[in-house]
């Protein structure tokens, strides 16, 4: 994404894969940003360690969340203590 414009979009099936495998294949598929719900510190650090921007603890309808991200109005209502 550049300047709030989608430059590429891809759907990848993660069915049957472990969480570790999810994280390992993200760079293969050029994932830059991951917007997700709840996530543990361990997985969050692993994802960020791949150079992926992580926006966690987000819920809602996909289109609403996506538009909020594009508009810069996405709100995170929870913060995890980073140890």
C-alpha atoms as a PDB file:
ATOM      1  CA  UNK A   1       0.000   0.000   0.000  1.00  0.00           C
ATOM      2  CA  UNK A   2       1.242   3.469  -0.856  1.00  0.00           C
ATOM      3  CA  UNK A   3      -0.308   6.689   0.442  1.00  0.00           C
ATOM      4  CA  UNK A   4      -3.549   4.957   1.444  1.00  0.00           C
ATOM      5  CA  UNK A   5      -3.863   3.300  -1.935  1.00  0.00           C
ATOM      6  CA  UNK A   6      -3.977  -0.433  -2.503  1.00  0.00           C
ATOM      7  CA  UNK A   7      -1.094  -1.501  -4.718  1.00  0.00           C
ATOM      8  CA  UNK A   8      -1.720  -5.239  -4.456  1.00  0.00           C
ATOM      9  CA  UNK A   9      -4.191  -7.580  -2.839  1.00  0.00           C
ATOM     10  CA  UNK A  10      -4.100 -11.344  -2.525  1.00  0.00           C
ATOM     11  CA  UNK A  11      -6.130 -14.010  -0.747  1.00  0.00           C
ATOM     12  CA  UNK A  12      -4.185 -16.947   0.674  1.00  0.00           C
ATOM     13  CA  UNK A  13      -5.795 -19.996   2.265  1.00  0.00           C
ATOM     14  CA  UNK A  14      -4.397 -20.706   5.723  1.00  0.00           C
ATOM     15  CA  UNK A  15      -6.704 -23.633   6.367  1.00  0.00           C
ATOM     16  CA  UNK A  16      -4.925 -26.488   8.116  1.00  0.00           C
ATOM     17  CA  UNK A  17      -1.720 -24.533   8.773  1.00  0.00           C
ATOM     18  CA  UNK A  18      -0.197 -23.969  12.213  1.00  0.00           C
ATOM     19  CA  UNK A  19       0.195 -20.454  13.610  1.00  0.00           C
ATOM     20  CA  UNK A  20       3.958 -20.714  13.206  1.00  0.00           C
ATOM     21  CA  UNK A  21       3.491 -21.597   9.535  1.00  0.00           C
ATOM     22  CA  UNK A  22       1.171 -18.574   9.107  1.00  0.00           C
ATOM     23  CA  UNK A  23       3.977 -16.351  10.329  1.00  0.00           C
ATOM     24  CA  UNK A  24       6.618 -18.076   8.227  1.00  0.00           C
ATOM     25  CA  UNK A  25       4.672 -17.708   4.962  1.00  0.00           C
ATOM     26  CA  UNK A  26       3.736 -14.028   5.406  1.00  0.00           C
ATOM     27  CA  UNK A  27       7.003 -12.711   3.903  1.00  0.00           C
ATOM     28  CA  UNK A  28       6.722 -15.231   1.051  1.00  0.00           C
ATOM     29  CA  UNK A  29       3.405 -13.589   0.141  1.00  0.00           C
ATOM     30  CA  UNK A  30       4.764 -10.048   0.656  1.00  0.00           C
ATOM     31  CA  UNK A  31       2.550  -9.246   3.647  1.00  0.00           C
ATOM     32  CA  UNK A  32       3.303  -5.681   4.799  1.00  0.00           C
ATOM     33  CA  UNK A  33       0.476  -5.126   7.284  1.00  0.00           C
ATOM     34  CA  UNK A  34      -1.516  -7.512   9.455  1.00  0.00           C
ATOM     35  CA  UNK A  35      -4.722  -6.335  11.102  1.00  0.00           C
ATOM     36  CA  UNK A  36      -6.012  -8.943  13.531  1.00  0.00           C
ATOM     37  CA  UNK A  37      -7.927  -9.614  16.711  1.00  0.00           C
ATOM     38  CA  UNK A  38      -6.311 -10.959  19.856  1.00  0.00           C
ATOM     39  CA  UNK A  39      -2.697 -12.131  19.573  1.00  0.00           C
ATOM     40  CA  UNK A  40      -0.133 -13.260  22.124  1.00  0.00           C
ATOM     41  CA  UNK A  41       3.090 -11.356  22.784  1.00  0.00           C
ATOM     42  CA  UNK A  42       5.114 -14.247  21.373  1.00  0.00           C
ATOM     43  CA  UNK A  43       3.326 -14.264  18.016  1.00  0.00           C
ATOM     44  CA  UNK A  44       3.211 -10.463  17.892  1.00  0.00           C
ATOM     45  CA  UNK A  45       6.983 -10.261  18.318  1.00  0.00           C
ATOM     46  CA  UNK A  46       7.516 -12.962  15.686  1.00  0.00           C
ATOM     47  CA  UNK A  47       5.345 -11.103  13.164  1.00  0.00           C
ATOM     48  CA  UNK A  48       6.972  -7.743  13.876  1.00  0.00           C
ATOM     49  CA  UNK A  49      10.359  -9.467  13.634  1.00  0.00           C
ATOM     50  CA  UNK A  50       9.467 -10.278  10.021  1.00  0.00           C
ATOM     51  CA  UNK A  51       9.172  -6.525   9.371  1.00  0.00           C
ATOM     52  CA  UNK A  52       5.369  -6.673   9.213  1.00  0.00           C
ATOM     53  CA  UNK A  53       3.333  -3.811  10.672  1.00  0.00           C
ATOM     54  CA  UNK A  54       0.973  -5.327  13.248  1.00  0.00           C
ATOM     55  CA  UNK A  55      -2.319  -3.700  14.215  1.00  0.00           C
ATOM     56  CA  UNK A  56      -3.830  -5.989  16.828  1.00  0.00           C
ATOM     57  CA  UNK A  57      -7.015  -6.203  18.896  1.00  0.00           C
ATOM     58  CA  UNK A  58      -9.253  -4.982  16.095  1.00  0.00           C
ATOM     59  CA  UNK A  59     -12.700  -6.402  15.498  1.00  0.00           C
ATOM     60  CA  UNK A  60     -15.549  -5.629  13.171  1.00  0.00           C
ATOM     61  CA  UNK A  61     -16.804  -6.058   9.658  1.00  0.00           C
ATOM     62  CA  UNK A  62     -13.931  -6.473   7.184  1.00  0.00           C
ATOM     63  CA  UNK A  63     -14.970  -3.561   4.963  1.00  0.00           C
ATOM     64  CA  UNK A  64     -15.450  -1.229   7.948  1.00  0.00           C
ATOM     65  CA  UNK A  65     -12.051  -2.143   9.403  1.00  0.00           C
ATOM     66  CA  UNK A  66     -10.369  -1.875   6.016  1.00  0.00           C
ATOM     67  CA  UNK A  67     -11.909   1.543   5.320  1.00  0.00           C
ATOM     68  CA  UNK A  68     -10.949   2.753   8.806  1.00  0.00           C
ATOM     69  CA  UNK A  69      -7.353   1.718   8.102  1.00  0.00           C
ATOM     70  CA  UNK A  70      -7.348   3.484   4.722  1.00  0.00           C
ATOM     71  CA  UNK A  71      -8.854   6.618   6.290  1.00  0.00           C
ATOM     72  CA  UNK A  72      -6.392   6.594   9.188  1.00  0.00           C
ATOM     73  CA  UNK A  73      -9.226   6.276  11.707  1.00  0.00           C
ATOM     74  CA  UNK A  74      -8.622   2.723  12.926  1.00  0.00           C
ATOM     75  CA  UNK A  75      -8.773   2.656  16.730  1.00  0.00           C
ATOM     76  CA  UNK A  76      -6.967   0.197  18.981  1.00  0.00           C
ATOM     77  CA  UNK A  77      -8.774  -0.063  22.306  1.00  0.00           C
ATOM     78  CA  UNK A  78      -6.360  -2.419  24.011  1.00  0.00           C
ATOM     79  CA  UNK A  79      -2.662  -2.454  24.682  1.00  0.00           C
ATOM     80  CA  UNK A  80      -0.455  -5.345  25.770  1.00  0.00           C
ATOM     81  CA  UNK A  81       2.431  -5.031  28.150  1.00  0.00           C
ATOM     82  CA  UNK A  82       5.599  -5.749  26.205  1.00  0.00           C
ATOM     83  CA  UNK A  83       8.083  -7.698  28.314  1.00  0.00           C
END
